[in-house]
Every structure is written in structure tokens, then in C-alpha cells.
Full PDB file with SEQRES, HELIX, SHEET, SSBOND, CRYST1, ORIGX, SCALE, CONECT and MASTER records, all heavy atoms in Angstrom:
SEQRES   1 A   46  LEU VAL GLN PRO GLY GLY SER LEU ARG LEU SER CYS VAL          
SEQRES   2 A   46  ALA SER GLY SER ILE ILE ASP ILE ASN ALA MET GLY TRP          
SEQRES   3 A   46  TYR ARG GLN ALA PRO GLY LYS GLN ARG GLU LEU VAL ALA          
SEQRES   4 A   46  ALA ILE SER SER GLY GLY SER                                  
SHEET    1 AA1 2 MET A  24  ARG A  28  0                                        
SHEET    2 AA1 2 GLU A  36  ILE A  41 -1                                        
CRYST1    1.000    1.000    1.000  90.00  90.00  90.00 P 1           1          
ORIGX1      1.000000  0.000000  0.000000        0.00000                         
ORIGX2      0.000000  1.000000  0.000000        0.00000                         
ORIGX3      0.000000  0.000000  1.000000        0.00000                         
SCALE1      1.000000  0.000000  0.000000        0.00000                         
SCALE2      0.000000  1.000000  0.000000        0.00000                         
SCALE3      0.000000  0.000000  1.000000        0.00000                         
ATOM      1  N   LEU A   1       0.842  -1.188   0.000  1.00  0.00           N  
ATOM      2  CA  LEU A   1       0.000   0.000   0.000  1.00  0.00           C  
ATOM      3  C   LEU A   1       0.880   1.242   0.000  1.00  0.00           C  
ATOM      4  O   LEU A   1       1.798   1.364   0.818  1.00  0.00           O  
ATOM      5  CB  LEU A   1      -0.906   0.000   1.229  1.00  0.00           C  
ATOM      6  CG  LEU A   1      -1.768   1.236   1.462  1.00  0.00           C  
ATOM      7  CD1 LEU A   1      -2.782   1.396   0.328  1.00  0.00           C  
ATOM      8  CD2 LEU A   1      -2.469   1.140   2.805  1.00  0.00           C  
ATOM      9  N   VAL A   2       0.583   2.156  -0.898  1.00  0.00           N  
ATOM     10  CA  VAL A   2       1.359   3.383  -1.007  1.00  0.00           C  
ATOM     11  C   VAL A   2       0.424   4.540  -1.331  1.00  0.00           C  
ATOM     12  O   VAL A   2      -0.614   4.352  -1.975  1.00  0.00           O  
ATOM     13  CB  VAL A   2       2.462   3.236  -2.081  1.00  0.00           C  
ATOM     14  CG1 VAL A   2       1.852   3.066  -3.466  1.00  0.00           C  
ATOM     15  CG2 VAL A   2       3.420   4.414  -2.047  1.00  0.00           C  
ATOM     16  N   GLN A   3       0.785   5.728  -0.888  1.00  0.00           N  
ATOM     17  CA  GLN A   3      -0.009   6.911  -1.181  1.00  0.00           C  
ATOM     18  C   GLN A   3       0.249   7.404  -2.598  1.00  0.00           C  
ATOM     19  O   GLN A   3       1.313   7.149  -3.174  1.00  0.00           O  
ATOM     20  CB  GLN A   3       0.308   8.028  -0.187  1.00  0.00           C  
ATOM     21  CG  GLN A   3      -0.124   7.731   1.239  1.00  0.00           C  
ATOM     22  CD  GLN A   3       0.120   8.895   2.167  1.00  0.00           C  
ATOM     23  OE1 GLN A   3       1.005   9.714   1.944  1.00  0.00           O  
ATOM     24  NE2 GLN A   3      -0.667   8.977   3.230  1.00  0.00           N  
ATOM     25  N   PRO A   4      -0.712   8.107  -3.184  1.00  0.00           N  
ATOM     26  CA  PRO A   4      -0.475   8.689  -4.502  1.00  0.00           C  
ATOM     27  C   PRO A   4       0.794   9.540  -4.510  1.00  0.00           C  
ATOM     28  O   PRO A   4       1.058  10.295  -3.572  1.00  0.00           O  
ATOM     29  CB  PRO A   4      -1.721   9.547  -4.741  1.00  0.00           C  
ATOM     30  CG  PRO A   4      -2.781   8.873  -3.932  1.00  0.00           C  
ATOM     31  CD  PRO A   4      -2.080   8.369  -2.699  1.00  0.00           C  
ATOM     32  N   GLY A   5       1.559   9.384  -5.568  1.00  0.00           N  
ATOM     33  CA  GLY A   5       2.827  10.077  -5.673  1.00  0.00           C  
ATOM     34  C   GLY A   5       3.996   9.306  -5.101  1.00  0.00           C  
ATOM     35  O   GLY A   5       5.154   9.702  -5.307  1.00  0.00           O  
ATOM     36  N   GLY A   6       3.720   8.221  -4.424  1.00  0.00           N  
ATOM     37  CA  GLY A   6       4.765   7.415  -3.831  1.00  0.00           C  
ATOM     38  C   GLY A   6       5.394   6.460  -4.820  1.00  0.00           C  
ATOM     39  O   GLY A   6       5.072   6.455  -6.012  1.00  0.00           O  
ATOM     40  N   SER A   7       6.289   5.623  -4.306  1.00  0.00           N  
ATOM     41  CA  SER A   7       7.045   4.704  -5.146  1.00  0.00           C  
ATOM     42  C   SER A   7       7.074   3.304  -4.552  1.00  0.00           C  
ATOM     43  O   SER A   7       6.994   3.124  -3.333  1.00  0.00           O  
ATOM     44  CB  SER A   7       8.491   5.195  -5.310  1.00  0.00           C  
ATOM     45  OG  SER A   7       8.556   6.456  -5.941  1.00  0.00           O  
ATOM     46  N   LEU A   8       7.193   2.335  -5.428  1.00  0.00           N  
ATOM     47  CA  LEU A   8       7.407   0.950  -5.063  1.00  0.00           C  
ATOM     48  C   LEU A   8       8.342   0.323  -6.074  1.00  0.00           C  
ATOM     49  O   LEU A   8       8.392   0.757  -7.230  1.00  0.00           O  
ATOM     50  CB  LEU A   8       6.098   0.157  -5.040  1.00  0.00           C  
ATOM     51  CG  LEU A   8       5.108   0.410  -3.906  1.00  0.00           C  
ATOM     52  CD1 LEU A   8       3.808  -0.336  -4.183  1.00  0.00           C  
ATOM     53  CD2 LEU A   8       5.694  -0.025  -2.575  1.00  0.00           C  
ATOM     54  N   ARG A   9       9.068  -0.689  -5.645  1.00  0.00           N  
ATOM     55  CA  ARG A   9       9.879  -1.465  -6.561  1.00  0.00           C  
ATOM     56  C   ARG A   9       9.499  -2.927  -6.442  1.00  0.00           C  
ATOM     57  O   ARG A   9       9.595  -3.524  -5.365  1.00  0.00           O  
ATOM     58  CB  ARG A   9      11.378  -1.302  -6.288  1.00  0.00           C  
ATOM     59  CG  ARG A   9      12.233  -1.961  -7.373  1.00  0.00           C  
ATOM     60  CD  ARG A   9      13.717  -1.789  -7.148  1.00  0.00           C  
ATOM     61  NE  ARG A   9      14.214  -2.616  -6.059  1.00  0.00           N  
ATOM     62  CZ  ARG A   9      15.490  -2.902  -5.857  1.00  0.00           C  
ATOM     63  NH1 ARG A   9      16.412  -2.404  -6.682  1.00  0.00           N  
ATOM     64  NH2 ARG A   9      15.856  -3.644  -4.829  1.00  0.00           N  
ATOM     65  N   LEU A  10       9.076  -3.495  -7.554  1.00  0.00           N  
ATOM     66  CA  LEU A  10       8.712  -4.893  -7.612  1.00  0.00           C  
ATOM     67  C   LEU A  10       9.892  -5.717  -8.107  1.00  0.00           C  
ATOM     68  O   LEU A  10      10.668  -5.265  -8.948  1.00  0.00           O  
ATOM     69  CB  LEU A  10       7.519  -5.115  -8.544  1.00  0.00           C  
ATOM     70  CG  LEU A  10       6.266  -4.278  -8.277  1.00  0.00           C  
ATOM     71  CD1 LEU A  10       5.157  -4.689  -9.243  1.00  0.00           C  
ATOM     72  CD2 LEU A  10       5.806  -4.417  -6.839  1.00  0.00           C  
ATOM     73  N   SER A  11       9.996  -6.929  -7.586  1.00  0.00           N  
ATOM     74  CA  SER A  11      11.039  -7.848  -8.008  1.00  0.00           C  
ATOM     75  C   SER A  11      10.410  -9.149  -8.460  1.00  0.00           C  
ATOM     76  O   SER A  11       9.381  -9.578  -7.924  1.00  0.00           O  
ATOM     77  CB  SER A  11      12.024  -8.128  -6.867  1.00  0.00           C  
ATOM     78  OG  SER A  11      12.673  -6.954  -6.446  1.00  0.00           O  
ATOM     79  N   CYS A  12      11.039  -9.777  -9.416  1.00  0.00           N  
ATOM     80  CA  CYS A  12      10.591 -11.071  -9.925  1.00  0.00           C  
ATOM     81  C   CYS A  12      11.812 -11.957 -10.087  1.00  0.00           C  
ATOM     82  O   CYS A  12      12.723 -11.628 -10.853  1.00  0.00           O  
ATOM     83  CB  CYS A  12       9.868 -10.900 -11.264  1.00  0.00           C  
ATOM     84  SG  CYS A  12       9.491 -12.444 -12.115  1.00  0.00           S  
ATOM     85  N   VAL A  13      11.815 -13.071  -9.385  1.00  0.00           N  
ATOM     86  CA  VAL A  13      12.930 -14.003  -9.433  1.00  0.00           C  
ATOM     87  C   VAL A  13      12.479 -15.302 -10.079  1.00  0.00           C  
ATOM     88  O   VAL A  13      11.497 -15.905  -9.644  1.00  0.00           O  
ATOM     89  CB  VAL A  13      13.487 -14.289  -8.030  1.00  0.00           C  
ATOM     90  CG1 VAL A  13      14.665 -15.254  -8.123  1.00  0.00           C  
ATOM     91  CG2 VAL A  13      13.913 -13.000  -7.351  1.00  0.00           C  
ATOM     92  N   ALA A  14      13.191 -15.715 -11.099  1.00  0.00           N  
ATOM     93  CA  ALA A  14      12.924 -16.981 -11.774  1.00  0.00           C  
ATOM     94  C   ALA A  14      13.858 -18.047 -11.226  1.00  0.00           C  
ATOM     95  O   ALA A  14      15.056 -17.827 -11.091  1.00  0.00           O  
ATOM     96  CB  ALA A  14      13.107 -16.836 -13.281  1.00  0.00           C  
ATOM     97  N   SER A  15      13.306 -19.205 -10.925  1.00  0.00           N  
ATOM     98  CA  SER A  15      14.102 -20.281 -10.358  1.00  0.00           C  
ATOM     99  C   SER A  15      13.452 -21.625 -10.645  1.00  0.00           C  
ATOM    100  O   SER A  15      12.375 -21.703 -11.233  1.00  0.00           O  
ATOM    101  CB  SER A  15      14.266 -20.092  -8.851  1.00  0.00           C  
ATOM    102  OG  SER A  15      13.013 -20.147  -8.192  1.00  0.00           O  
ATOM    103  N   GLY A  16      14.119 -22.680 -10.198  1.00  0.00           N  
ATOM    104  CA  GLY A  16      13.557 -24.017 -10.269  1.00  0.00           C  
ATOM    105  C   GLY A  16      14.200 -24.939 -11.289  1.00  0.00           C  
ATOM    106  O   GLY A  16      14.107 -26.149 -11.158  1.00  0.00           O  
ATOM    107  N   SER A  17      14.850 -24.361 -12.284  1.00  0.00           N  
ATOM    108  CA  SER A  17      15.474 -25.147 -13.333  1.00  0.00           C  
ATOM    109  C   SER A  17      16.669 -24.391 -13.882  1.00  0.00           C  
ATOM    110  O   SER A  17      16.854 -23.214 -13.578  1.00  0.00           O  
ATOM    111  CB  SER A  17      14.493 -25.439 -14.472  1.00  0.00           C  
ATOM    112  OG  SER A  17      13.365 -26.169 -14.023  1.00  0.00           O  
ATOM    113  N   ILE A  18      17.456 -25.088 -14.652  1.00  0.00           N  
ATOM    114  CA  ILE A  18      18.502 -24.415 -15.411  1.00  0.00           C  
ATOM    115  C   ILE A  18      17.810 -23.701 -16.558  1.00  0.00           C  
ATOM    116  O   ILE A  18      17.201 -24.332 -17.412  1.00  0.00           O  
ATOM    117  CB  ILE A  18      19.543 -25.412 -15.928  1.00  0.00           C  
ATOM    118  CG1 ILE A  18      20.213 -26.143 -14.764  1.00  0.00           C  
ATOM    119  CG2 ILE A  18      20.583 -24.711 -16.782  1.00  0.00           C  
ATOM    120  CD1 ILE A  18      21.152 -27.252 -15.193  1.00  0.00           C  
ATOM    121  N   ILE A  19      17.904 -22.387 -16.567  1.00  0.00           N  
ATOM    122  CA  ILE A  19      17.125 -21.600 -17.509  1.00  0.00           C  
ATOM    123  C   ILE A  19      17.981 -20.595 -18.263  1.00  0.00           C  
ATOM    124  O   ILE A  19      19.016 -20.146 -17.780  1.00  0.00           O  
ATOM    125  CB  ILE A  19      15.971 -20.859 -16.811  1.00  0.00           C  
ATOM    126  CG1 ILE A  19      16.506 -20.004 -15.657  1.00  0.00           C  
ATOM    127  CG2 ILE A  19      14.936 -21.852 -16.303  1.00  0.00           C  
ATOM    128  CD1 ILE A  19      15.437 -19.201 -14.949  1.00  0.00           C  
ATOM    129  N   ASP A  20      17.506 -20.273 -19.432  1.00  0.00           N  
ATOM    130  CA  ASP A  20      18.083 -19.235 -20.274  1.00  0.00           C  
ATOM    131  C   ASP A  20      16.918 -18.340 -20.671  1.00  0.00           C  
ATOM    132  O   ASP A  20      16.131 -18.691 -21.546  1.00  0.00           O  
ATOM    133  CB  ASP A  20      18.765 -19.849 -21.487  1.00  0.00           C  
ATOM    134  CG  ASP A  20      19.374 -18.809 -22.407  1.00  0.00           C  
ATOM    135  OD1 ASP A  20      19.629 -17.681 -21.966  1.00  0.00           O  
ATOM    136  OD2 ASP A  20      19.605 -19.135 -23.594  1.00  0.00           O  
ATOM    137  N   ILE A  21      16.813 -17.196 -20.024  1.00  0.00           N  
ATOM    138  CA  ILE A  21      15.661 -16.328 -20.186  1.00  0.00           C  
ATOM    139  C   ILE A  21      15.851 -15.367 -21.346  1.00  0.00           C  
ATOM    140  O   ILE A  21      16.901 -14.746 -21.488  1.00  0.00           O  
ATOM    141  CB  ILE A  21      15.393 -15.550 -18.887  1.00  0.00           C  
ATOM    142  CG1 ILE A  21      15.014 -16.519 -17.773  1.00  0.00           C  
ATOM    143  CG2 ILE A  21      14.306 -14.511 -19.097  1.00  0.00           C  
ATOM    144  CD1 ILE A  21      14.849 -15.861 -16.423  1.00  0.00           C  
ATOM    145  N   ASN A  22      14.815 -15.254 -22.145  1.00  0.00           N  
ATOM    146  CA  ASN A  22      14.809 -14.280 -23.228  1.00  0.00           C  
ATOM    147  C   ASN A  22      14.261 -12.938 -22.733  1.00  0.00           C  
ATOM    148  O   ASN A  22      15.015 -12.011 -22.478  1.00  0.00           O  
ATOM    149  CB  ASN A  22      13.993 -14.789 -24.409  1.00  0.00           C  
ATOM    150  CG  ASN A  22      14.661 -15.961 -25.096  1.00  0.00           C  
ATOM    151  OD1 ASN A  22      15.889 -16.029 -25.180  1.00  0.00           O  
ATOM    152  ND2 ASN A  22      13.854 -16.889 -25.602  1.00  0.00           N  
ATOM    153  N   ALA A  23      12.956 -12.862 -22.578  1.00  0.00           N  
ATOM    154  CA  ALA A  23      12.328 -11.625 -22.147  1.00  0.00           C  
ATOM    155  C   ALA A  23      11.643 -11.808 -20.800  1.00  0.00           C  
ATOM    156  O   ALA A  23      11.202 -12.906 -20.448  1.00  0.00           O  
ATOM    157  CB  ALA A  23      11.317 -11.144 -23.184  1.00  0.00           C  
ATOM    158  N   MET A  24      11.549 -10.729 -20.057  1.00  0.00           N  
ATOM    159  CA  MET A  24      10.800 -10.706 -18.813  1.00  0.00           C  
ATOM    160  C   MET A  24       9.853  -9.512 -18.877  1.00  0.00           C  
ATOM    161  O   MET A  24      10.257  -8.429 -19.291  1.00  0.00           O  
ATOM    162  CB  MET A  24      11.717 -10.595 -17.606  1.00  0.00           C  
ATOM    163  CG  MET A  24      12.742 -11.719 -17.515  1.00  0.00           C  
ATOM    164  SD  MET A  24      13.714 -11.726 -15.978  1.00  0.00           S  
ATOM    165  CE  MET A  24      12.500 -12.370 -14.812  1.00  0.00           C  
ATOM    166  N   GLY A  25       8.631  -9.746 -18.479  1.00  0.00           N  
ATOM    167  CA  GLY A  25       7.638  -8.697 -18.567  1.00  0.00           C  
ATOM    168  C   GLY A  25       6.789  -8.590 -17.320  1.00  0.00           C  
ATOM    169  O   GLY A  25       6.679  -9.534 -16.535  1.00  0.00           O  
ATOM    170  N   TRP A  26       6.217  -7.418 -17.157  1.00  0.00           N  
ATOM    171  CA  TRP A  26       5.295  -7.148 -16.067  1.00  0.00           C  
ATOM    172  C   TRP A  26       3.919  -6.858 -16.634  1.00  0.00           C  
ATOM    173  O   TRP A  26       3.779  -6.054 -17.563  1.00  0.00           O  
ATOM    174  CB  TRP A  26       5.758  -5.962 -15.226  1.00  0.00           C  
ATOM    175  CG  TRP A  26       6.974  -6.249 -14.401  1.00  0.00           C  
ATOM    176  CD1 TRP A  26       8.270  -5.970 -14.715  1.00  0.00           C  
ATOM    177  CD2 TRP A  26       6.992  -6.869 -13.119  1.00  0.00           C  
ATOM    178  NE1 TRP A  26       9.103  -6.383 -13.699  1.00  0.00           N  
ATOM    179  CE2 TRP A  26       8.342  -6.944 -12.709  1.00  0.00           C  
ATOM    180  CE3 TRP A  26       6.009  -7.379 -12.268  1.00  0.00           C  
ATOM    181  CZ2 TRP A  26       8.726  -7.497 -11.486  1.00  0.00           C  
ATOM    182  CZ3 TRP A  26       6.391  -7.928 -11.067  1.00  0.00           C  
ATOM    183  CH2 TRP A  26       7.741  -7.980 -10.691  1.00  0.00           C  
ATOM    184  N   TYR A  27       2.928  -7.505 -16.068  1.00  0.00           N  
ATOM    185  CA  TYR A  27       1.542  -7.307 -16.430  1.00  0.00           C  
ATOM    186  C   TYR A  27       0.768  -6.925 -15.182  1.00  0.00           C  
ATOM    187  O   TYR A  27       1.218  -7.158 -14.059  1.00  0.00           O  
ATOM    188  CB  TYR A  27       0.940  -8.579 -17.033  1.00  0.00           C  
ATOM    189  CG  TYR A  27       1.537  -8.990 -18.360  1.00  0.00           C  
ATOM    190  CD1 TYR A  27       2.814  -9.543 -18.433  1.00  0.00           C  
ATOM    191  CD2 TYR A  27       0.818  -8.840 -19.537  1.00  0.00           C  
ATOM    192  CE1 TYR A  27       3.361  -9.925 -19.647  1.00  0.00           C  
ATOM    193  CE2 TYR A  27       1.356  -9.227 -20.757  1.00  0.00           C  
ATOM    194  CZ  TYR A  27       2.622  -9.768 -20.800  1.00  0.00           C  
ATOM    195  OH  TYR A  27       3.157 -10.149 -22.003  1.00  0.00           O  
ATOM    196  N   ARG A  28      -0.396  -6.355 -15.380  1.00  0.00           N  
ATOM    197  CA  ARG A  28      -1.248  -6.057 -14.239  1.00  0.00           C  
ATOM    198  C   ARG A  28      -2.703  -6.284 -14.597  1.00  0.00           C  
ATOM    199  O   ARG A  28      -3.094  -6.211 -15.756  1.00  0.00           O  
ATOM    200  CB  ARG A  28      -1.042  -4.624 -13.745  1.00  0.00           C  
ATOM    201  CG  ARG A  28      -1.515  -3.538 -14.701  1.00  0.00           C  
ATOM    202  CD  ARG A  28      -1.159  -2.168 -14.155  1.00  0.00           C  
ATOM    203  NE  ARG A  28      -1.628  -1.092 -15.014  1.00  0.00           N  
ATOM    204  CZ  ARG A  28      -1.314   0.177 -14.848  1.00  0.00           C  
ATOM    205  NH1 ARG A  28      -0.532   0.546 -13.833  1.00  0.00           N  
ATOM    206  NH2 ARG A  28      -1.793   1.100 -15.681  1.00  0.00           N  
ATOM    207  N   GLN A  29      -3.477  -6.564 -13.571  1.00  0.00           N  
ATOM    208  CA  GLN A  29      -4.896  -6.778 -13.750  1.00  0.00           C  
ATOM    209  C   GLN A  29      -5.636  -6.130 -12.590  1.00  0.00           C  
ATOM    210  O   GLN A  29      -5.444  -6.499 -11.436  1.00  0.00           O  
ATOM    211  CB  GLN A  29      -5.234  -8.263 -13.826  1.00  0.00           C  
ATOM    212  CG  GLN A  29      -6.680  -8.544 -14.178  1.00  0.00           C  
ATOM    213  CD  GLN A  29      -6.907  -9.990 -14.569  1.00  0.00           C  
ATOM    214  OE1 GLN A  29      -6.123 -10.872 -14.222  1.00  0.00           O  
ATOM    215  NE2 GLN A  29      -7.979 -10.239 -15.301  1.00  0.00           N  
ATOM    216  N   ALA A  30      -6.467  -5.164 -12.924  1.00  0.00           N  
ATOM    217  CA  ALA A  30      -7.297  -4.493 -11.945  1.00  0.00           C  
ATOM    218  C   ALA A  30      -8.667  -5.156 -11.915  1.00  0.00           C  
ATOM    219  O   ALA A  30      -9.078  -5.797 -12.887  1.00  0.00           O  
ATOM    220  CB  ALA A  30      -7.427  -3.013 -12.284  1.00  0.00           C  
ATOM    221  N   PRO A  31      -9.399  -5.009 -10.816  1.00  0.00           N  
ATOM    222  CA  PRO A  31     -10.733  -5.607 -10.732  1.00  0.00           C  
ATOM    223  C   PRO A  31     -11.623  -5.178 -11.882  1.00  0.00           C  
ATOM    224  O   PRO A  31     -11.734  -3.988 -12.188  1.00  0.00           O  
ATOM    225  CB  PRO A  31     -11.264  -5.094  -9.395  1.00  0.00           C  
ATOM    226  CG  PRO A  31     -10.037  -4.840  -8.581  1.00  0.00           C  
ATOM    227  CD  PRO A  31      -9.022  -4.329  -9.561  1.00  0.00           C  
ATOM    228  N   GLY A  32     -12.232  -6.152 -12.538  1.00  0.00           N  
ATOM    229  CA  GLY A  32     -13.131  -5.867 -13.635  1.00  0.00           C  
ATOM    230  C   GLY A  32     -12.457  -5.537 -14.944  1.00  0.00           C  
ATOM    231  O   GLY A  32     -13.150  -5.221 -15.920  1.00  0.00           O  
ATOM    232  N   LYS A  33     -11.142  -5.597 -14.984  1.00  0.00           N  
ATOM    233  CA  LYS A  33     -10.415  -5.271 -16.195  1.00  0.00           C  
ATOM    234  C   LYS A  33      -9.570  -6.446 -16.664  1.00  0.00           C  
ATOM    235  O   LYS A  33      -9.274  -7.359 -15.900  1.00  0.00           O  
ATOM    236  CB  LYS A  33      -9.521  -4.045 -15.980  1.00  0.00           C  
ATOM    237  CG  LYS A  33     -10.274  -2.764 -15.653  1.00  0.00           C  
ATOM    238  CD  LYS A  33      -9.330  -1.587 -15.546  1.00  0.00           C  
ATOM    239  CE  LYS A  33     -10.079  -0.303 -15.261  1.00  0.00           C  
ATOM    240  NZ  LYS A  33      -9.146   0.856 -15.153  1.00  0.00           N  
ATOM    241  N   GLN A  34      -9.194  -6.397 -17.922  1.00  0.00           N  
ATOM    242  CA  GLN A  34      -8.374  -7.434 -18.505  1.00  0.00           C  
ATOM    243  C   GLN A  34      -6.900  -7.217 -18.174  1.00  0.00           C  
ATOM    244  O   GLN A  34      -6.451  -6.088 -17.981  1.00  0.00           O  
ATOM    245  CB  GLN A  34      -8.573  -7.463 -20.021  1.00  0.00           C  
ATOM    246  CG  GLN A  34      -8.168  -8.765 -20.680  1.00  0.00           C  
ATOM    247  CD  GLN A  34      -8.886  -8.976 -22.001  1.00  0.00           C  
ATOM    248  OE1 GLN A  34      -9.595  -8.093 -22.484  1.00  0.00           O  
ATOM    249  NE2 GLN A  34      -8.703 -10.144 -22.585  1.00  0.00           N  
ATOM    250  N   ARG A  35      -6.176  -8.308 -18.099  1.00  0.00           N  
ATOM    251  CA  ARG A  35      -4.752  -8.208 -17.833  1.00  0.00           C  
ATOM    252  C   ARG A  35      -4.060  -7.487 -18.986  1.00  0.00           C  
ATOM    253  O   ARG A  35      -4.330  -7.752 -20.158  1.00  0.00           O  
ATOM    254  CB  ARG A  35      -4.157  -9.601 -17.638  1.00  0.00           C  
ATOM    255  CG  ARG A  35      -2.714  -9.600 -17.172  1.00  0.00           C  
ATOM    256  CD  ARG A  35      -2.234 -11.006 -16.817  1.00  0.00           C  
ATOM    257  NE  ARG A  35      -3.022 -11.589 -15.739  1.00  0.00           N  
ATOM    258  CZ  ARG A  35      -2.762 -12.765 -15.178  1.00  0.00           C  
ATOM    259  NH1 ARG A  35      -1.724 -13.486 -15.593  1.00  0.00           N  
ATOM    260  NH2 ARG A  35      -3.545 -13.221 -14.212  1.00  0.00           N  
ATOM    261  N   GLU A  36      -3.164  -6.581 -18.649  1.00  0.00           N  
ATOM    262  CA  GLU A  36      -2.487  -5.789 -19.653  1.00  0.00           C  
ATOM    263  C   GLU A  36      -0.988  -5.767 -19.419  1.00  0.00           C  
ATOM    264  O   GLU A  36      -0.515  -5.864 -18.285  1.00  0.00           O  
ATOM    265  CB  GLU A  36      -3.023  -4.352 -19.663  1.00  0.00           C  
ATOM    266  CG  GLU A  36      -2.757  -3.590 -18.372  1.00  0.00           C  
ATOM    267  CD  GLU A  36      -3.164  -2.128 -18.440  1.00  0.00           C  
ATOM    268  OE1 GLU A  36      -3.400  -1.619 -19.547  1.00  0.00           O  
ATOM    269  OE2 GLU A  36      -3.246  -1.488 -17.369  1.00  0.00           O  
ATOM    270  N   LEU A  37      -0.265  -5.610 -20.489  1.00  0.00           N  
ATOM    271  CA  LEU A  37       1.184  -5.475 -20.404  1.00  0.00           C  
ATOM    272  C   LEU A  37       1.531  -4.097 -19.858  1.00  0.00           C  
ATOM    273  O   LEU A  37       1.031  -3.081 -20.340  1.00  0.00           O  
ATOM    274  CB  LEU A  37       1.820  -5.671 -21.772  1.00  0.00           C  
ATOM    275  CG  LEU A  37       3.328  -5.431 -21.863  1.00  0.00           C  
ATOM    276  CD1 LEU A  37       4.086  -6.480 -21.052  1.00  0.00           C  
ATOM    277  CD2 LEU A  37       3.794  -5.441 -23.309  1.00  0.00           C  
ATOM    278  N   VAL A  38       2.400  -4.070 -18.873  1.00  0.00           N  
ATOM    279  CA  VAL A  38       2.867  -2.824 -18.280  1.00  0.00           C  
ATOM    280  C   VAL A  38       4.238  -2.450 -18.829  1.00  0.00           C  
ATOM    281  O   VAL A  38       4.459  -1.327 -19.278  1.00  0.00           O  
ATOM    282  CB  VAL A  38       2.932  -2.921 -16.745  1.00  0.00           C  
ATOM    283  CG1 VAL A  38       3.494  -1.632 -16.146  1.00  0.00           C  
ATOM    284  CG2 VAL A  38       1.546  -3.217 -16.178  1.00  0.00           C  
ATOM    285  N   ALA A  39       5.158  -3.389 -18.762  1.00  0.00           N  
ATOM    286  CA  ALA A  39       6.520  -3.144 -19.222  1.00  0.00           C  
ATOM    287  C   ALA A  39       7.203  -4.468 -19.474  1.00  0.00           C  
ATOM    288  O   ALA A  39       6.881  -5.477 -18.853  1.00  0.00           O  
ATOM    289  CB  ALA A  39       7.317  -2.330 -18.193  1.00  0.00           C  
ATOM    290  N   ALA A  40       8.156  -4.461 -20.380  1.00  0.00           N  
ATOM    291  CA  ALA A  40       8.910  -5.664 -20.694  1.00  0.00           C  
ATOM    292  C   ALA A  40      10.334  -5.296 -21.049  1.00  0.00           C  
ATOM    293  O   ALA A  40      10.612  -4.175 -21.493  1.00  0.00           O  
ATOM    294  CB  ALA A  40       8.259  -6.428 -21.848  1.00  0.00           C  
ATOM    295  N   ILE A  41      11.228  -6.249 -20.865  1.00  0.00           N  
ATOM    296  CA  ILE A  41      12.625  -6.042 -21.195  1.00  0.00           C  
ATOM    297  C   ILE A  41      13.175  -7.307 -21.824  1.00  0.00           C  
ATOM    298  O   ILE A  41      12.924  -8.420 -21.353  1.00  0.00           O  
ATOM    299  CB  ILE A  41      13.440  -5.626 -19.944  1.00  0.00           C  
ATOM    300  CG1 ILE A  41      14.883  -5.306 -20.326  1.00  0.00           C  
ATOM    301  CG2 ILE A  41      13.363  -6.696 -18.860  1.00  0.00           C  
ATOM    302  CD1 ILE A  41      15.649  -4.595 -19.218  1.00  0.00           C  
ATOM    303  N   SER A  42      13.909  -7.147 -22.902  1.00  0.00           N  
ATOM    304  CA  SER A  42      14.472  -8.273 -23.619  1.00  0.00           C  
ATOM    305  C   SER A  42      15.835  -8.634 -23.059  1.00  0.00           C  
ATOM    306  O   SER A  42      16.398  -7.934 -22.215  1.00  0.00           O  
ATOM    307  CB  SER A  42      14.590  -7.942 -25.109  1.00  0.00           C  
ATOM    308  OG  SER A  42      15.632  -7.002 -25.326  1.00  0.00           O  
ATOM    309  N   SER A  43      16.374  -9.743 -23.558  1.00  0.00           N  
ATOM    310  CA  SER A  43      17.709 -10.149 -23.136  1.00  0.00           C  
ATOM    311  C   SER A  43      18.764  -9.129 -23.534  1.00  0.00           C  
ATOM    312  O   SER A  43      19.807  -9.028 -22.881  1.00  0.00           O  
ATOM    313  CB  SER A  43      18.054 -11.517 -23.730  1.00  0.00           C  
ATOM    314  OG  SER A  43      18.030 -11.477 -25.144  1.00  0.00           O  
ATOM    315  N   GLY A  44      18.491  -8.375 -24.593  1.00  0.00           N  
ATOM    316  CA  GLY A  44      19.414  -7.348 -25.032  1.00  0.00           C  
ATOM    317  C   GLY A  44      19.239  -6.014 -24.348  1.00  0.00           C  
ATOM    318  O   GLY A  44      19.996  -5.081 -24.624  1.00  0.00           O  
ATOM    319  N   GLY A  45      18.245  -5.910 -23.480  1.00  0.00           N  
ATOM    320  CA  GLY A  45      18.048  -4.690 -22.724  1.00  0.00           C  
ATOM    321  C   GLY A  45      17.057  -3.710 -23.309  1.00  0.00           C  
ATOM    322  O   GLY A  45      16.834  -2.642 -22.724  1.00  0.00           O  
ATOM    323  N   SER A  46      16.464  -4.036 -24.442  1.00  0.00           N  
ATOM    324  CA  SER A  46      15.449  -3.148 -24.991  1.00  0.00           C  
ATOM    325  C   SER A  46      14.185  -3.239 -24.154  1.00  0.00           C  
ATOM    326  O   SER A  46      13.849  -4.298 -23.616  1.00  0.00           O  
ATOM    327  CB  SER A  46      15.163  -3.483 -26.448  1.00  0.00           C  
ATOM    328  OG  SER A  46      14.653  -4.801 -26.575  1.00  0.00           O  
TER     329      SER A  46                                                      
MASTER        0    0    0    0    2    0    0    6  328    1    0    4          
END                                                                             
């Protein structure tokens, strides 16, 4: 929970297997709305 104008940092850790990740993305879903892409980053940093 944060007030308007505030900040948060989310983290996502992938584990469980030997992996080679291409892209990682963040999605969000609000009540009554469809899940949407928020941001993504490729292996090359784009």
C-alpha cells in the first residue's frame, strides 16, 4: 500500500530449473479489467 505520488519497486525471481531467459515482462490486472502489459525487457536490454 502506497499513497499517490509514492514509489514501489517490484522484483521477480525466476528459479527451479537451469534456464536461459529471453524476455521478462510485467503485467497487471485491476478488478473488472483485462490483464495488460505494463513493461517488458528483452535479453538485449530493450
